[in-house]
Amino acid sequence: MKIDVHCHIFREGVTAKSIDKQFTQFSGYGFYERIKRDLKNIETIQMNSIIKKTLFHIRKAQLDKVVLLPINMKENKKVIEWYKEAPDVFIPFFNPPEKSNPNEDVQNILNKAIQDGIKGLKIMVSFRKKFLNDEILYPSFEIAQKYNLIILMHTGYPPPGTKINVLTHANPVKIEEIFQSFPNLKIIIAHMGFPWVDTALALAVQYPNIFLDISNLHYMMPNRLKDFILNAKELLGIDKLLFGSDGFIPEMIELTVSTFENIDYLSKKEIKKIMGLNAQKLLFK
């Protein structure tokens, strides 16, 4: 089974030209020029529905499942709409309350989300100028632990062009404190915690329920990703590493899968594990 554990919903009408407009200020940067070059090899299609276009590239990439991640509570409804469009493909995650609001009943909100079919929570609290162990998340962690929901935490650097000081609050070291209160939580550290990859690896060694996704590193810095994966393999093996695309447009799902499946520093068996078999055990155990 092939699974993408880190995919966001896309806006209607996004294309490769959208990237040109979004990242004009990064002209000449290695990641930007590499994405533009590699996207020329991806055959795409214009469709009225962004969901159908996304499914088109998911099928071309031969993915079986894709985890959909909201970036805020407003996107939760959209994620469920996408999930209902293709429940055999999409696995919906949910962004829980991350801002103080005395009128919100976290338990009722999450119970309703669980009834809608969510399988995990996407934590974006570092974008709200809060650390990963902020107590505002504790009611959500309690419910996640009770119902075996997977936690996927944004850690490390934000998407290029982000104007919020995310790095200040995104060091994965804060996750250790969470396990003191919620020892049975299952947490995925996004982007291998970069630039704190050593910290993320140390956490994954210490805590059985910590996993690392490699999302966006394969197109942002493929040579460093090689070092990160080989370091992880040396330290803890590859059973805790998970593939994620985290692209800007649907075409990048296919691009990232193709790029990772053709690396030459892992065996085919190891690639298959990272490409989905590890996630299968985690998501469907």
C-alpha atoms as a PDB file:
ATOM      1  CA  MET A   1       0.000   0.000   0.000  1.00  0.00           C
ATOM      2  CA  LYS A   2       1.201   3.521  -0.867  1.00  0.00           C
ATOM      3  CA  ILE A   3       0.159   6.347   1.457  1.00  0.00           C
ATOM      4  CA  ASP A   4       0.811  10.086   1.473  1.00  0.00           C
ATOM      5  CA  VAL A   5       0.518  11.190   5.123  1.00  0.00           C
ATOM      6  CA  HIS A   6       0.929  14.924   4.542  1.00  0.00           C
ATOM      7  CA  CYS A   7      -1.279  16.580   1.932  1.00  0.00           C
ATOM      8  CA  HIS A   8      -3.227  19.821   2.239  1.00  0.00           C
ATOM      9  CA  ILE A   9      -6.373  20.680   0.319  1.00  0.00           C
ATOM     10  CA  PHE A  10      -5.746  22.900  -2.704  1.00  0.00           C
ATOM     11  CA  ARG A  11      -7.526  26.068  -3.778  1.00  0.00           C
ATOM     12  CA  GLU A  12      -9.663  25.977  -6.910  1.00  0.00           C
ATOM     13  CA  GLY A  13      -7.749  26.929 -10.018  1.00  0.00           C
ATOM     14  CA  VAL A  14      -4.188  26.499  -8.735  1.00  0.00           C
ATOM     15  CA  THR A  15      -1.710  25.614 -11.483  1.00  0.00           C
ATOM     16  CA  ALA A  16       2.021  25.728 -12.138  1.00  0.00           C
ATOM     17  CA  LYS A  17       1.516  29.390 -13.071  1.00  0.00           C
ATOM     18  CA  SER A  18       0.144  29.942  -9.584  1.00  0.00           C
ATOM     19  CA  ILE A  19       3.532  28.931  -8.207  1.00  0.00           C
ATOM     20  CA  ASP A  20       5.208  31.534 -10.417  1.00  0.00           C
ATOM     21  CA  LYS A  21       3.009  34.242  -8.906  1.00  0.00           C
ATOM     22  CA  GLN A  22       3.309  32.952  -5.341  1.00  0.00           C
ATOM     23  CA  PHE A  23       7.076  32.561  -5.325  1.00  0.00           C
ATOM     24  CA  THR A  24       8.287  35.369  -7.585  1.00  0.00           C
ATOM     25  CA  GLN A  25      10.524  36.644  -4.780  1.00  0.00           C
ATOM     26  CA  PHE A  26      12.320  33.291  -4.764  1.00  0.00           C
ATOM     27  CA  SER A  27      13.486  33.477  -8.374  1.00  0.00           C
ATOM     28  CA  GLY A  28      16.980  31.996  -8.511  1.00  0.00           C
ATOM     29  CA  TYR A  29      16.542  29.986  -5.304  1.00  0.00           C
ATOM     30  CA  GLY A  30      17.459  26.336  -5.737  1.00  0.00           C
ATOM     31  CA  PHE A  31      14.152  24.882  -4.513  1.00  0.00           C
ATOM     32  CA  TYR A  32      12.075  27.191  -6.711  1.00  0.00           C
ATOM     33  CA  GLU A  33      14.057  26.626  -9.899  1.00  0.00           C
ATOM     34  CA  ARG A  34      14.128  22.850  -9.259  1.00  0.00           C
ATOM     35  CA  ILE A  35      10.330  22.669  -8.801  1.00  0.00           C
ATOM     36  CA  LYS A  36       9.723  24.696 -11.973  1.00  0.00           C
ATOM     37  CA  ARG A  37      12.081  22.462 -13.934  1.00  0.00           C
ATOM     38  CA  ASP A  38      10.711  19.171 -12.655  1.00  0.00           C
ATOM     39  CA  LEU A  39       7.051  20.137 -13.067  1.00  0.00           C
ATOM     40  CA  LYS A  40       7.627  20.351 -16.830  1.00  0.00           C
ATOM     41  CA  ASN A  41       7.862  16.537 -16.810  1.00  0.00           C
ATOM     42  CA  ILE A  42       4.457  16.097 -15.145  1.00  0.00           C
ATOM     43  CA  GLU A  43       1.559  15.702 -17.547  1.00  0.00           C
ATOM     44  CA  THR A  44      -1.430  17.489 -16.063  1.00  0.00           C
ATOM     45  CA  ILE A  45      -5.037  18.138 -16.980  1.00  0.00           C
ATOM     46  CA  GLN A  46      -7.368  21.108 -16.600  1.00  0.00           C
ATOM     47  CA  MET A  47     -10.595  20.289 -14.769  1.00  0.00           C
ATOM     48  CA  ASN A  48     -13.391  22.326 -13.246  1.00  0.00           C
ATOM     49  CA  SER A  49     -13.090  20.479  -9.928  1.00  0.00           C
ATOM     50  CA  ILE A  50      -9.874  20.800  -7.914  1.00  0.00           C
ATOM     51  CA  ILE A  51     -10.813  17.591  -6.091  1.00  0.00           C
ATOM     52  CA  LYS A  52     -11.034  15.660  -9.354  1.00  0.00           C
ATOM     53  CA  LYS A  53      -7.759  17.165 -10.550  1.00  0.00           C
ATOM     54  CA  THR A  54      -6.104  16.105  -7.293  1.00  0.00           C
ATOM     55  CA  LEU A  55      -7.500  12.581  -7.646  1.00  0.00           C
ATOM     56  CA  PHE A  56      -6.168  12.497 -11.212  1.00  0.00           C
ATOM     57  CA  HIS A  57      -2.605  13.040  -9.972  1.00  0.00           C
ATOM     58  CA  ILE A  58      -3.083  10.724  -6.988  1.00  0.00           C
ATOM     59  CA  ARG A  59      -4.027   7.919  -9.381  1.00  0.00           C
ATOM     60  CA  LYS A  60      -1.150   8.708 -11.717  1.00  0.00           C
ATOM     61  CA  ALA A  61       1.162   8.468  -8.705  1.00  0.00           C
ATOM     62  CA  GLN A  62      -0.496   5.109  -7.881  1.00  0.00           C
ATOM     63  CA  LEU A  63      -1.209   6.185  -4.310  1.00  0.00           C
ATOM     64  CA  ASP A  64      -3.797   4.177  -2.392  1.00  0.00           C
ATOM     65  CA  LYS A  65      -4.500   6.638   0.416  1.00  0.00           C
ATOM     66  CA  VAL A  66      -3.893  10.327   1.082  1.00  0.00           C
ATOM     67  CA  VAL A  67      -4.146  12.043   4.470  1.00  0.00           C
ATOM     68  CA  LEU A  68      -5.856  15.434   4.110  1.00  0.00           C
ATOM     69  CA  LEU A  69      -4.693  18.123   6.534  1.00  0.00           C
ATOM     70  CA  PRO A  70      -6.433  21.416   7.346  1.00  0.00           C
ATOM     71  CA  ILE A  71      -4.334  24.442   8.286  1.00  0.00           C
ATOM     72  CA  ASN A  72      -7.057  26.015  10.452  1.00  0.00           C
ATOM     73  CA  MET A  73     -10.539  25.310  11.777  1.00  0.00           C
ATOM     74  CA  LYS A  74     -12.128  26.998   8.754  1.00  0.00           C
ATOM     75  CA  GLU A  75     -10.671  24.288   6.523  1.00  0.00           C
ATOM     76  CA  ASN A  76     -12.107  21.410   8.588  1.00  0.00           C
ATOM     77  CA  LYS A  77     -15.387  21.537   6.680  1.00  0.00           C
ATOM     78  CA  LYS A  78     -13.559  21.505   3.332  1.00  0.00           C
ATOM     79  CA  VAL A  79     -11.529  18.466   4.358  1.00  0.00           C
ATOM     80  CA  ILE A  80     -14.726  16.543   5.124  1.00  0.00           C
ATOM     81  CA  GLU A  81     -16.183  17.612   1.753  1.00  0.00           C
ATOM     82  CA  TRP A  82     -13.103  16.231  -0.004  1.00  0.00           C
ATOM     83  CA  TYR A  83     -13.280  13.054   2.063  1.00  0.00           C
ATOM     84  CA  LYS A  84     -16.918  12.464   1.103  1.00  0.00           C
ATOM     85  CA  GLU A  85     -15.995  12.912  -2.558  1.00  0.00           C
ATOM     86  CA  ALA A  86     -13.529   9.984  -2.380  1.00  0.00           C
ATOM     87  CA  PRO A  87     -13.770   8.156   0.986  1.00  0.00           C
ATOM     88  CA  ASP A  88     -11.826   5.211  -0.421  1.00  0.00           C
ATOM     89  CA  VAL A  89      -8.808   7.487  -1.001  1.00  0.00           C
ATOM     90  CA  PHE A  90      -8.859  10.381   1.447  1.00  0.00           C
ATOM     91  CA  ILE A  91      -8.166  10.082   5.184  1.00  0.00           C
ATOM     92  CA  PRO A  92      -9.422  13.244   6.938  1.00  0.00           C
ATOM     93  CA  PHE A  93      -7.578  14.929   9.792  1.00  0.00           C
ATOM     94  CA  PHE A  94      -8.965  17.799  11.877  1.00  0.00           C
ATOM     95  CA  ASN A  95      -7.566  21.060  13.196  1.00  0.00           C
ATOM     96  CA  PRO A  96      -8.759  21.379  16.826  1.00  0.00           C
ATOM     97  CA  PRO A  97      -9.296  24.680  18.665  1.00  0.00           C
ATOM     98  CA  GLU A  98      -5.917  26.389  19.046  1.00  0.00           C
ATOM     99  CA  LYS A  99      -7.063  29.800  20.247  1.00  0.00           C
ATOM    100  CA  SER A 100      -8.625  30.733  23.579  1.00  0.00           C
ATOM    101  CA  ASN A 101     -12.404  30.819  23.285  1.00  0.00           C
ATOM    102  CA  PRO A 102     -14.427  30.174  26.453  1.00  0.00           C
ATOM    103  CA  ASN A 103     -17.512  29.442  24.350  1.00  0.00           C
ATOM    104  CA  GLU A 104     -15.934  26.426  22.625  1.00  0.00           C
ATOM    105  CA  ASP A 105     -16.668  22.949  23.906  1.00  0.00           C
ATOM    106  CA  VAL A 106     -13.657  20.977  22.686  1.00  0.00           C
ATOM    107  CA  GLN A 107     -15.148  17.618  23.585  1.00  0.00           C
ATOM    108  CA  ASN A 108     -18.329  18.229  21.592  1.00  0.00           C
ATOM    109  CA  ILE A 109     -16.372  19.644  18.660  1.00  0.00           C
ATOM    110  CA  LEU A 110     -14.085  16.610  18.472  1.00  0.00           C
ATOM    111  CA  ASN A 111     -16.858  14.093  19.112  1.00  0.00           C
ATOM    112  CA  LYS A 112     -18.730  15.517  16.114  1.00  0.00           C
ATOM    113  CA  ALA A 113     -15.537  15.386  14.031  1.00  0.00           C
ATOM    114  CA  ILE A 114     -14.985  11.744  14.988  1.00  0.00           C
ATOM    115  CA  GLN A 115     -18.547  10.962  13.857  1.00  0.00           C
ATOM    116  CA  ASP A 116     -17.685  12.655  10.542  1.00  0.00           C
ATOM    117  CA  GLY A 117     -14.842  10.182  10.085  1.00  0.00           C
ATOM    118  CA  ILE A 118     -11.645  11.986  11.111  1.00  0.00           C
ATOM    119  CA  LYS A 119      -8.657   9.766  11.913  1.00  0.00           C
ATOM    120  CA  GLY A 120      -6.304  12.316  13.410  1.00  0.00           C
ATOM    121  CA  LEU A 121      -5.529  15.892  14.404  1.00  0.00           C
ATOM    122  CA  LYS A 122      -3.300  18.383  12.582  1.00  0.00           C
ATOM    123  CA  ILE A 123      -1.643  20.697  15.080  1.00  0.00           C
ATOM    124  CA  MET A 124      -0.729  24.133  13.702  1.00  0.00           C
ATOM    125  CA  VAL A 125      -0.347  25.893  17.043  1.00  0.00           C
ATOM    126  CA  SER A 126       3.144  27.154  16.191  1.00  0.00           C
ATOM    127  CA  PHE A 127       1.435  29.399  13.620  1.00  0.00           C
ATOM    128  CA  ARG A 128      -0.615  30.903  16.498  1.00  0.00           C
ATOM    129  CA  LYS A 129       2.546  31.953  18.401  1.00  0.00           C
ATOM    130  CA  LYS A 130       2.168  29.064  20.837  1.00  0.00           C
ATOM    131  CA  PHE A 131       4.549  26.246  21.675  1.00  0.00           C
ATOM    132  CA  LEU A 132       3.676  22.646  20.806  1.00  0.00           C
ATOM    133  CA  ASN A 133       2.981  21.783  24.429  1.00  0.00           C
ATOM    134  CA  ASP A 134       0.642  24.728  25.067  1.00  0.00           C
ATOM    135  CA  GLU A 135      -2.049  23.700  27.534  1.00  0.00           C
ATOM    136  CA  ILE A 136      -4.766  24.930  25.192  1.00  0.00           C
ATOM    137  CA  LEU A 137      -4.184  21.656  23.322  1.00  0.00           C
ATOM    138  CA  TYR A 138      -4.497  19.374  26.342  1.00  0.00           C
ATOM    139  CA  PRO A 139      -8.275  18.770  26.038  1.00  0.00           C
ATOM    140  CA  SER A 140      -7.687  17.734  22.406  1.00  0.00           C
ATOM    141  CA  PHE A 141      -4.786  15.473  23.399  1.00  0.00           C
ATOM    142  CA  GLU A 142      -6.948  13.805  26.036  1.00  0.00           C
ATOM    143  CA  ILE A 143      -9.632  12.968  23.483  1.00  0.00           C
ATOM    144  CA  ALA A 144      -7.041  11.906  20.889  1.00  0.00           C
ATOM    145  CA  GLN A 145      -5.492   9.489  23.354  1.00  0.00           C
ATOM    146  CA  LYS A 146      -8.890   8.096  24.334  1.00  0.00           C
ATOM    147  CA  TYR A 147     -10.018   7.484  20.740  1.00  0.00           C
ATOM    148  CA  ASN A 148      -6.614   6.563  19.289  1.00  0.00           C
ATOM    149  CA  LEU A 149      -6.443   9.580  16.967  1.00  0.00           C
ATOM    150  CA  ILE A 150      -3.069  10.235  15.318  1.00  0.00           C
ATOM    151  CA  ILE A 151      -1.473  13.620  16.042  1.00  0.00           C
ATOM    152  CA  LEU A 152       0.453  15.245  13.169  1.00  0.00           C
ATOM    153  CA  MET A 153       2.351  18.296  14.395  1.00  0.00           C
ATOM    154  CA  HIS A 154       3.816  21.041  12.293  1.00  0.00           C
ATOM    155  CA  THR A 155       7.401  21.369  13.457  1.00  0.00           C
ATOM    156  CA  GLY A 156      10.374  23.222  12.059  1.00  0.00           C
ATOM    157  CA  TYR A 157      10.401  25.696   9.247  1.00  0.00           C
ATOM    158  CA  PRO A 158       7.178  26.974   7.658  1.00  0.00           C
ATOM    159  CA  PRO A 159       6.301  27.147   3.939  1.00  0.00           C
ATOM    160  CA  PRO A 160       8.439  29.617   1.962  1.00  0.00           C
ATOM    161  CA  GLY A 161       7.119  33.147   2.240  1.00  0.00           C
ATOM    162  CA  THR A 162       5.378  32.664   5.594  1.00  0.00           C
ATOM    163  CA  LYS A 163       5.525  36.010   7.406  1.00  0.00           C
ATOM    164  CA  ILE A 164       4.732  34.676  10.896  1.00  0.00           C
ATOM    165  CA  ASN A 165       7.650  33.821  13.220  1.00  0.00           C
ATOM    166  CA  VAL A 166       6.776  30.124  13.215  1.00  0.00           C
ATOM    167  CA  LEU A 167      10.299  28.866  13.898  1.00  0.00           C
ATOM    168  CA  THR A 168      10.271  30.504  17.320  1.00  0.00           C
ATOM    169  CA  HIS A 169       7.518  28.119  18.437  1.00  0.00           C
ATOM    170  CA  ALA A 170       8.155  25.028  16.296  1.00  0.00           C
ATOM    171  CA  ASN A 171      11.022  23.197  17.991  1.00  0.00           C
ATOM    172  CA  PRO A 172       9.926  19.546  18.445  1.00  0.00           C
ATOM    173  CA  VAL A 173      11.716  19.324  21.806  1.00  0.00           C
ATOM    174  CA  LYS A 174       8.497  20.603  23.428  1.00  0.00           C
ATOM    175  CA  ILE A 175       6.802  17.341  22.446  1.00  0.00           C
ATOM    176  CA  GLU A 176       8.656  15.555  25.221  1.00  0.00           C
ATOM    177  CA  GLU A 177       6.625  17.400  27.847  1.00  0.00           C
ATOM    178  CA  ILE A 178       3.375  16.272  26.199  1.00  0.00           C
ATOM    179  CA  PHE A 179       4.248  12.622  26.816  1.00  0.00           C
ATOM    180  CA  GLN A 180       4.515  13.246  30.540  1.00  0.00           C
ATOM    181  CA  SER A 181       0.733  13.769  30.590  1.00  0.00           C
ATOM    182  CA  PHE A 182      -0.293  11.703  27.549  1.00  0.00           C
ATOM    183  CA  PRO A 183       2.075   8.729  27.290  1.00  0.00           C
ATOM    184  CA  ASN A 184      -0.093   6.813  24.813  1.00  0.00           C
ATOM    185  CA  LEU A 185      -0.465   9.516  22.183  1.00  0.00           C
ATOM    186  CA  LYS A 186       0.800   8.704  18.689  1.00  0.00           C
ATOM    187  CA  ILE A 187       2.581  11.726  17.238  1.00  0.00           C
ATOM    188  CA  ILE A 188       3.990  12.352  13.755  1.00  0.00           C
ATOM    189  CA  ILE A 189       6.687  15.042  13.649  1.00  0.00           C
ATOM    190  CA  ALA A 190       6.289  16.844  10.315  1.00  0.00           C
ATOM    191  CA  HIS A 191       9.296  17.638   8.102  1.00  0.00           C
ATOM    192  CA  MET A 192      11.506  15.514  10.389  1.00  0.00           C
ATOM    193  CA  GLY A 193      11.563  18.604  12.624  1.00  0.00           C
ATOM    194  CA  PHE A 194      14.003  20.451  10.333  1.00  0.00           C
ATOM    195  CA  PRO A 195      16.160  22.294  11.280  1.00  0.00           C
ATOM    196  CA  TRP A 196      15.992  20.271  14.530  1.00  0.00           C
ATOM    197  CA  VAL A 197      16.310  16.857  12.869  1.00  0.00           C
ATOM    198  CA  ASP A 198      18.678  15.519  15.533  1.00  0.00           C
ATOM    199  CA  THR A 199      16.151  16.477  18.201  1.00  0.00           C
ATOM    200  CA  ALA A 200      13.355  14.752  16.288  1.00  0.00           C
ATOM    201  CA  LEU A 201      15.463  11.619  15.893  1.00  0.00           C
ATOM    202  CA  ALA A 202      16.337  11.618  19.581  1.00  0.00           C
ATOM    203  CA  LEU A 203      12.637  11.856  20.466  1.00  0.00           C
ATOM    204  CA  ALA A 204      11.801   9.001  18.088  1.00  0.00           C
ATOM    205  CA  VAL A 205      14.445   6.826  19.751  1.00  0.00           C
ATOM    206  CA  GLN A 206      13.192   7.610  23.242  1.00  0.00           C
ATOM    207  CA  TYR A 207       9.429   7.361  22.642  1.00  0.00           C
ATOM    208  CA  PRO A 208       7.870   4.369  20.833  1.00  0.00           C
ATOM    209  CA  ASN A 209       4.862   6.392  19.633  1.00  0.00           C
ATOM    210  CA  ILE A 210       6.801   9.109  17.795  1.00  0.00           C
ATOM    211  CA  PHE A 211       7.107   8.959  13.997  1.00  0.00           C
ATOM    212  CA  LEU A 212       8.695  11.298  11.441  1.00  0.00           C
ATOM    213  CA  ASP A 213       7.360  12.397   8.074  1.00  0.00           C
ATOM    214  CA  ILE A 214       9.722  13.506   5.315  1.00  0.00           C
ATOM    215  CA  SER A 215       7.238  15.895   3.715  1.00  0.00           C
ATOM    216  CA  ASN A 216       8.552  18.720   1.528  1.00  0.00           C
ATOM    217  CA  LEU A 217      12.202  17.890   2.219  1.00  0.00           C
ATOM    218  CA  HIS A 218      12.394  15.904  -1.045  1.00  0.00           C
ATOM    219  CA  TYR A 219      11.807  19.020  -3.139  1.00  0.00           C
ATOM    220  CA  MET A 220      13.258  21.660  -0.803  1.00  0.00           C
ATOM    221  CA  MET A 221      16.615  19.951  -0.114  1.00  0.00           C
ATOM    222  CA  PRO A 222      16.923  16.436  -1.589  1.00  0.00           C
ATOM    223  CA  ASN A 223      20.626  16.096  -0.744  1.00  0.00           C
ATOM    224  CA  ARG A 224      20.054  16.904   2.927  1.00  0.00           C
ATOM    225  CA  LEU A 225      17.086  14.511   2.986  1.00  0.00           C
ATOM    226  CA  LYS A 226      19.476  11.747   1.957  1.00  0.00           C
ATOM    227  CA  ASP A 227      21.652  12.540   4.974  1.00  0.00           C
ATOM    228  CA  PHE A 228      18.620  12.740   7.271  1.00  0.00           C
ATOM    229  CA  ILE A 229      17.222   9.384   6.174  1.00  0.00           C
ATOM    230  CA  LEU A 230      20.565   7.612   6.371  1.00  0.00           C
ATOM    231  CA  ASN A 231      21.151   9.089   9.831  1.00  0.00           C
ATOM    232  CA  ALA A 232      17.689   7.914  10.882  1.00  0.00           C
ATOM    233  CA  LYS A 233      18.373   4.451   9.443  1.00  0.00           C
ATOM    234  CA  GLU A 234      21.655   4.260  11.353  1.00  0.00           C
ATOM    235  CA  LEU A 235      20.002   5.314  14.619  1.00  0.00           C
ATOM    236  CA  LEU A 236      16.505   3.791  14.643  1.00  0.00           C
ATOM    237  CA  GLY A 237      15.945   2.019  11.334  1.00  0.00           C
ATOM    238  CA  ILE A 238      13.351   3.120   8.800  1.00  0.00           C
ATOM    239  CA  ASP A 239      10.126   1.782  10.327  1.00  0.00           C
ATOM    240  CA  LYS A 240       9.249   5.177  11.823  1.00  0.00           C
ATOM    241  CA  LEU A 241       9.710   7.185   8.619  1.00  0.00           C
ATOM    242  CA  LEU A 242       6.634   8.181   6.617  1.00  0.00           C
ATOM    243  CA  PHE A 243       6.248   9.642   3.132  1.00  0.00           C
ATOM    244  CA  GLY A 244       4.397  12.939   2.725  1.00  0.00           C
ATOM    245  CA  SER A 245       4.109  15.217  -0.298  1.00  0.00           C
ATOM    246  CA  ASP A 246       3.090  18.628   1.109  1.00  0.00           C
ATOM    247  CA  GLY A 247       3.094  20.210  -2.335  1.00  0.00           C
ATOM    248  CA  PHE A 248       1.701  23.552  -3.445  1.00  0.00           C
ATOM    249  CA  ILE A 249      -0.384  22.203  -6.348  1.00  0.00           C
ATOM    250  CA  PRO A 250      -1.845  18.753  -7.191  1.00  0.00           C
ATOM    251  CA  GLU A 251       0.886  18.054  -9.738  1.00  0.00           C
ATOM    252  CA  MET A 252       3.435  18.037  -6.925  1.00  0.00           C
ATOM    253  CA  ILE A 253       1.856  14.940  -5.404  1.00  0.00           C
ATOM    254  CA  GLU A 254       2.908  13.000  -8.460  1.00  0.00           C
ATOM    255  CA  LEU A 255       6.259  14.796  -8.625  1.00  0.00           C
ATOM    256  CA  THR A 256       7.202  13.991  -5.024  1.00  0.00           C
ATOM    257  CA  VAL A 257       6.188  10.333  -5.295  1.00  0.00           C
ATOM    258  CA  SER A 258       8.219   9.895  -8.473  1.00  0.00           C
ATOM    259  CA  THR A 259      11.234  11.641  -6.951  1.00  0.00           C
ATOM    260  CA  PHE A 260      11.240   9.540  -3.790  1.00  0.00           C
ATOM    261  CA  GLU A 261      10.598   6.199  -5.495  1.00  0.00           C
ATOM    262  CA  ASN A 262      13.656   6.746  -7.679  1.00  0.00           C
ATOM    263  CA  ILE A 263      16.219   7.478  -4.990  1.00  0.00           C
ATOM    264  CA  ASP A 264      19.278   5.230  -5.075  1.00  0.00           C
ATOM    265  CA  TYR A 265      20.380   5.154  -1.428  1.00  0.00           C
ATOM    266  CA  LEU A 266      17.670   2.813  -0.094  1.00  0.00           C
ATOM    267  CA  SER A 267      16.578  -0.639  -1.176  1.00  0.00           C
ATOM    268  CA  LYS A 268      13.243  -1.126  -2.937  1.00  0.00           C
ATOM    269  CA  LYS A 269      11.935  -2.799   0.212  1.00  0.00           C
ATOM    270  CA  GLU A 270      12.965   0.179   2.352  1.00  0.00           C
ATOM    271  CA  ILE A 271      11.383   2.613  -0.090  1.00  0.00           C
ATOM    272  CA  LYS A 272       8.112   0.666   0.030  1.00  0.00           C
ATOM    273  CA  LYS A 273       8.093   0.830   3.816  1.00  0.00           C
ATOM    274  CA  ILE A 274       8.530   4.610   3.885  1.00  0.00           C
ATOM    275  CA  MET A 275       6.219   5.018   0.895  1.00  0.00           C
ATOM    276  CA  GLY A 276       3.273   3.486   2.713  1.00  0.00           C
ATOM    277  CA  LEU A 277       3.742   0.252   4.627  1.00  0.00           C
ATOM    278  CA  ASN A 278       4.881   2.082   7.779  1.00  0.00           C
ATOM    279  CA  ALA A 279       1.896   4.435   7.577  1.00  0.00           C
ATOM    280  CA  GLN A 280      -0.442   1.525   6.965  1.00  0.00           C
ATOM    281  CA  LYS A 281       0.560  -0.023  10.297  1.00  0.00           C
ATOM    282  CA  LEU A 282       0.176   3.288  12.088  1.00  0.00           C
ATOM    283  CA  LEU A 283      -3.152   4.385  10.580  1.00  0.00           C
ATOM    284  CA  PHE A 284      -4.945   1.066  10.385  1.00  0.00           C
ATOM    285  CA  LYS A 285      -3.609  -0.859  13.377  1.00  0.00           C
END
